[in-house]
Amino acid sequence: MILHFFVSQALINTRAIRIKIVISLLVLTPIGFASKFYNGPAAWWFNDYAGGMLYELFWCLVVVLIWPQVSRFKVALWVLGVTSFLEWFQLAHPPFLETIRSTFIGRTLIGTSFSWWDFPYYVVGCFFGWLWIGFLRRSALSDQKDHHHADRK
């Protein structure tokens, strides 16, 4: 049973999973940017921490879009590692980084200031990425099985 699960996961149609990821990114990206502009109750939390979770989820999806068969656990760990490195990198302020950070996209991608409180939200965001990738893969596998059964009829 366990072997069947891993073999089934490996046989997922990469086109189907990529389509599902692109749709997810088309929904997630504007929500992530909107979190930076939210002005309502708890705006500070949405602007900084909810945005951080969405940032992690975004990068998990981008990695699987490029490499659809990679382990979702490895994706979550690598994204967490790279984004944690970028968080530490915010302690550095060389001119080339400040030039990048002077733009909205630069601030959004590499950040401007270090905060210990970002790390727990990065972990949560990567966990959501791990969950969402699993959901998308199961969905693609289910679609594939449904299509296969329809062809037999």
C-alpha atoms as a PDB file:
ATOM      1  CA  MET A   1       0.000   0.000   0.000  1.00  0.00           C
ATOM      2  CA  ILE A   2       2.748   2.482   0.949  1.00  0.00           C
ATOM      3  CA  LEU A   3       4.803   1.560  -2.118  1.00  0.00           C
ATOM      4  CA  HIS A   4       1.708   2.053  -4.288  1.00  0.00           C
ATOM      5  CA  PHE A   5       1.276   5.553  -2.826  1.00  0.00           C
ATOM      6  CA  PHE A   6       4.845   6.577  -3.728  1.00  0.00           C
ATOM      7  CA  VAL A   7       4.670   5.007  -7.181  1.00  0.00           C
ATOM      8  CA  SER A   8       1.324   6.706  -7.809  1.00  0.00           C
ATOM      9  CA  GLN A   9       2.747  10.044  -6.700  1.00  0.00           C
ATOM     10  CA  ALA A  10       5.640   9.610  -9.136  1.00  0.00           C
ATOM     11  CA  LEU A  11       3.282   8.939 -12.038  1.00  0.00           C
ATOM     12  CA  ILE A  12       1.323  12.151 -11.705  1.00  0.00           C
ATOM     13  CA  ASN A  13       0.882  13.907 -15.003  1.00  0.00           C
ATOM     14  CA  THR A  14       3.297  16.829 -14.750  1.00  0.00           C
ATOM     15  CA  ARG A  15       1.145  18.925 -17.064  1.00  0.00           C
ATOM     16  CA  ALA A  16      -1.880  18.524 -14.778  1.00  0.00           C
ATOM     17  CA  ILE A  17       0.055  19.455 -11.647  1.00  0.00           C
ATOM     18  CA  ARG A  18       1.630  22.453 -13.380  1.00  0.00           C
ATOM     19  CA  ILE A  19      -1.781  23.728 -14.453  1.00  0.00           C
ATOM     20  CA  LYS A  20      -3.049  23.425 -10.880  1.00  0.00           C
ATOM     21  CA  ILE A  21       0.031  25.238  -9.578  1.00  0.00           C
ATOM     22  CA  VAL A  22      -0.311  28.074 -12.098  1.00  0.00           C
ATOM     23  CA  ILE A  23      -3.952  28.526 -11.071  1.00  0.00           C
ATOM     24  CA  SER A  24      -2.906  28.514  -7.410  1.00  0.00           C
ATOM     25  CA  LEU A  25      -0.213  31.116  -8.114  1.00  0.00           C
ATOM     26  CA  LEU A  26      -2.680  33.291 -10.039  1.00  0.00           C
ATOM     27  CA  VAL A  27      -4.887  33.346  -6.935  1.00  0.00           C
ATOM     28  CA  LEU A  28      -2.114  33.495  -4.322  1.00  0.00           C
ATOM     29  CA  THR A  29       0.053  36.236  -5.852  1.00  0.00           C
ATOM     30  CA  PRO A  30      -2.512  39.062  -5.753  1.00  0.00           C
ATOM     31  CA  ILE A  31      -3.539  38.007  -2.236  1.00  0.00           C
ATOM     32  CA  GLY A  32       0.109  38.151  -1.167  1.00  0.00           C
ATOM     33  CA  PHE A  33       0.558  41.628  -2.632  1.00  0.00           C
ATOM     34  CA  ALA A  34      -2.760  42.745  -1.133  1.00  0.00           C
ATOM     35  CA  SER A  35      -1.555  41.645   2.304  1.00  0.00           C
ATOM     36  CA  LYS A  36       1.130  44.342   2.026  1.00  0.00           C
ATOM     37  CA  PHE A  37      -1.513  47.051   1.514  1.00  0.00           C
ATOM     38  CA  TYR A  38      -4.184  45.893   3.967  1.00  0.00           C
ATOM     39  CA  ASN A  39      -5.223  48.759   6.307  1.00  0.00           C
ATOM     40  CA  GLY A  40      -7.938  47.173   8.485  1.00  0.00           C
ATOM     41  CA  PRO A  41      -7.807  45.600  11.942  1.00  0.00           C
ATOM     42  CA  ALA A  42      -4.477  43.892  12.710  1.00  0.00           C
ATOM     43  CA  ALA A  43      -2.914  45.474   9.606  1.00  0.00           C
ATOM     44  CA  TRP A  44       0.568  45.070  11.116  1.00  0.00           C
ATOM     45  CA  TRP A  45       0.028  41.297  11.321  1.00  0.00           C
ATOM     46  CA  PHE A  46      -1.332  40.981   7.775  1.00  0.00           C
ATOM     47  CA  ASN A  47       1.355  43.256   6.314  1.00  0.00           C
ATOM     48  CA  ASP A  48       4.251  41.424   7.933  1.00  0.00           C
ATOM     49  CA  TYR A  49       3.364  37.932   9.097  1.00  0.00           C
ATOM     50  CA  ALA A  50       0.478  36.787   6.898  1.00  0.00           C
ATOM     51  CA  GLY A  51       2.492  38.107   3.977  1.00  0.00           C
ATOM     52  CA  GLY A  52       5.464  36.036   5.171  1.00  0.00           C
ATOM     53  CA  MET A  53       3.407  32.849   5.221  1.00  0.00           C
ATOM     54  CA  LEU A  54       2.083  33.570   1.728  1.00  0.00           C
ATOM     55  CA  TYR A  55       5.644  34.324   0.572  1.00  0.00           C
ATOM     56  CA  GLU A  56       6.783  30.865   1.692  1.00  0.00           C
ATOM     57  CA  LEU A  57       3.780  29.179   0.075  1.00  0.00           C
ATOM     58  CA  PHE A  58       4.454  31.103  -3.150  1.00  0.00           C
ATOM     59  CA  TRP A  59       8.057  29.878  -3.336  1.00  0.00           C
ATOM     60  CA  CYS A  60       7.064  26.284  -2.540  1.00  0.00           C
ATOM     61  CA  LEU A  61       4.669  26.384  -5.487  1.00  0.00           C
ATOM     62  CA  VAL A  62       7.236  27.980  -7.804  1.00  0.00           C
ATOM     63  CA  VAL A  63       9.757  25.237  -7.011  1.00  0.00           C
ATOM     64  CA  VAL A  64       7.211  22.490  -7.751  1.00  0.00           C
ATOM     65  CA  LEU A  65       6.155  24.307 -10.925  1.00  0.00           C
ATOM     66  CA  ILE A  66       9.760  24.014 -12.120  1.00  0.00           C
ATOM     67  CA  TRP A  67      10.416  20.515 -10.696  1.00  0.00           C
ATOM     68  CA  PRO A  68       6.997  18.825 -10.368  1.00  0.00           C
ATOM     69  CA  GLN A  69       8.298  15.460  -9.134  1.00  0.00           C
ATOM     70  CA  VAL A  70      10.473  16.768  -6.287  1.00  0.00           C
ATOM     71  CA  SER A  71       9.539  15.686  -2.762  1.00  0.00           C
ATOM     72  CA  ARG A  72       7.250  18.217  -1.122  1.00  0.00           C
ATOM     73  CA  PHE A  73       9.175  17.759   2.126  1.00  0.00           C
ATOM     74  CA  LYS A  74      12.422  18.690   0.369  1.00  0.00           C
ATOM     75  CA  VAL A  75      10.690  21.666  -1.233  1.00  0.00           C
ATOM     76  CA  ALA A  76       9.459  22.940   2.126  1.00  0.00           C
ATOM     77  CA  LEU A  77      12.894  22.476   3.725  1.00  0.00           C
ATOM     78  CA  TRP A  78      14.775  24.167   0.885  1.00  0.00           C
ATOM     79  CA  VAL A  79      12.367  27.081   0.711  1.00  0.00           C
ATOM     80  CA  LEU A  80      12.588  27.500   4.479  1.00  0.00           C
ATOM     81  CA  GLY A  81      16.382  27.382   4.305  1.00  0.00           C
ATOM     82  CA  VAL A  82      16.723  29.871   1.459  1.00  0.00           C
ATOM     83  CA  THR A  83      14.180  32.337   2.832  1.00  0.00           C
ATOM     84  CA  SER A  84      15.721  32.079   6.304  1.00  0.00           C
ATOM     85  CA  PHE A  85      19.089  32.899   4.736  1.00  0.00           C
ATOM     86  CA  LEU A  86      17.468  35.898   3.030  1.00  0.00           C
ATOM     87  CA  GLU A  87      16.048  36.970   6.393  1.00  0.00           C
ATOM     88  CA  TRP A  88      19.549  36.930   7.910  1.00  0.00           C
ATOM     89  CA  PHE A  89      20.810  38.751   4.821  1.00  0.00           C
ATOM     90  CA  GLN A  90      18.550  41.662   5.796  1.00  0.00           C
ATOM     91  CA  LEU A  91      21.108  42.517   8.472  1.00  0.00           C
ATOM     92  CA  ALA A  92      23.477  43.525   5.654  1.00  0.00           C
ATOM     93  CA  HIS A  93      23.027  46.860   3.911  1.00  0.00           C
ATOM     94  CA  PRO A  94      25.567  47.075   1.067  1.00  0.00           C
ATOM     95  CA  PRO A  95      24.721  49.606  -1.675  1.00  0.00           C
ATOM     96  CA  PHE A  96      23.686  46.985  -4.256  1.00  0.00           C
ATOM     97  CA  LEU A  97      21.140  45.482  -1.823  1.00  0.00           C
ATOM     98  CA  GLU A  98      19.834  48.914  -0.884  1.00  0.00           C
ATOM     99  CA  THR A  99      19.325  49.640  -4.594  1.00  0.00           C
ATOM    100  CA  ILE A 100      17.282  46.437  -4.934  1.00  0.00           C
ATOM    101  CA  ARG A 101      15.336  47.218  -1.747  1.00  0.00           C
ATOM    102  CA  SER A 102      14.474  50.694  -3.020  1.00  0.00           C
ATOM    103  CA  THR A 103      11.857  49.117  -5.328  1.00  0.00           C
ATOM    104  CA  PHE A 104       8.559  47.550  -4.253  1.00  0.00           C
ATOM    105  CA  ILE A 105       9.451  44.200  -5.848  1.00  0.00           C
ATOM    106  CA  GLY A 106      12.899  44.276  -4.227  1.00  0.00           C
ATOM    107  CA  ARG A 107      11.437  45.006  -0.787  1.00  0.00           C
ATOM    108  CA  THR A 108       8.865  42.275  -1.316  1.00  0.00           C
ATOM    109  CA  LEU A 109      11.362  39.650  -2.481  1.00  0.00           C
ATOM    110  CA  ILE A 110      14.330  40.208  -0.171  1.00  0.00           C
ATOM    111  CA  GLY A 111      12.877  42.336   2.624  1.00  0.00           C
ATOM    112  CA  THR A 112      14.291  45.348   4.400  1.00  0.00           C
ATOM    113  CA  SER A 113      14.667  44.531   8.084  1.00  0.00           C
ATOM    114  CA  PHE A 114      15.505  41.478  10.163  1.00  0.00           C
ATOM    115  CA  SER A 115      12.939  40.097  12.606  1.00  0.00           C
ATOM    116  CA  TRP A 116      13.122  36.958  14.722  1.00  0.00           C
ATOM    117  CA  TRP A 117       9.335  36.839  14.578  1.00  0.00           C
ATOM    118  CA  ASP A 118       9.424  36.102  10.841  1.00  0.00           C
ATOM    119  CA  PHE A 119      10.870  32.619  11.367  1.00  0.00           C
ATOM    120  CA  PRO A 120       7.815  30.947  12.973  1.00  0.00           C
ATOM    121  CA  TYR A 121       5.648  32.304  10.165  1.00  0.00           C
ATOM    122  CA  TYR A 122       8.119  31.006   7.594  1.00  0.00           C
ATOM    123  CA  VAL A 123       7.771  27.552   9.159  1.00  0.00           C
ATOM    124  CA  VAL A 124       3.967  27.815   9.069  1.00  0.00           C
ATOM    125  CA  GLY A 125       4.060  29.028   5.452  1.00  0.00           C
ATOM    126  CA  CYS A 126       6.271  26.108   4.420  1.00  0.00           C
ATOM    127  CA  PHE A 127       3.959  23.725   6.255  1.00  0.00           C
ATOM    128  CA  PHE A 128       1.028  25.183   4.283  1.00  0.00           C
ATOM    129  CA  GLY A 129       3.129  24.752   1.134  1.00  0.00           C
ATOM    130  CA  TRP A 130       3.753  21.111   2.026  1.00  0.00           C
ATOM    131  CA  LEU A 131       0.017  20.592   2.614  1.00  0.00           C
ATOM    132  CA  TRP A 132      -1.066  22.428  -0.550  1.00  0.00           C
ATOM    133  CA  ILE A 133       1.404  20.569  -2.772  1.00  0.00           C
ATOM    134  CA  GLY A 134       0.085  17.279  -1.365  1.00  0.00           C
ATOM    135  CA  PHE A 135      -3.482  18.381  -2.045  1.00  0.00           C
ATOM    136  CA  LEU A 136      -2.655  19.425  -5.620  1.00  0.00           C
ATOM    137  CA  ARG A 137      -0.836  16.165  -6.301  1.00  0.00           C
ATOM    138  CA  ARG A 138      -3.694  14.062  -4.926  1.00  0.00           C
ATOM    139  CA  SER A 139      -6.110  16.128  -6.997  1.00  0.00           C
ATOM    140  CA  ALA A 140      -4.028  15.629 -10.154  1.00  0.00           C
ATOM    141  CA  LEU A 141      -3.757  11.905  -9.425  1.00  0.00           C
ATOM    142  CA  SER A 142      -7.510  11.683  -8.875  1.00  0.00           C
ATOM    143  CA  ASP A 143      -8.153  13.549 -12.135  1.00  0.00           C
ATOM    144  CA  GLN A 144      -5.762  11.188 -13.890  1.00  0.00           C
ATOM    145  CA  LYS A 145      -7.544   8.111 -12.486  1.00  0.00           C
ATOM    146  CA  ASP A 146     -10.962   9.532 -13.382  1.00  0.00           C
ATOM    147  CA  HIS A 147      -9.775  10.213 -16.928  1.00  0.00           C
ATOM    148  CA  HIS A 148      -8.287   6.708 -17.165  1.00  0.00           C
ATOM    149  CA  HIS A 149     -11.545   5.113 -15.966  1.00  0.00           C
ATOM    150  CA  ALA A 150     -13.581   7.230 -18.403  1.00  0.00           C
ATOM    151  CA  ASP A 151     -11.392   5.998 -21.284  1.00  0.00           C
ATOM    152  CA  ARG A 152     -12.151   2.383 -20.367  1.00  0.00           C
ATOM    153  CA  LYS A 153     -15.933   2.837 -20.616  1.00  0.00           C
END
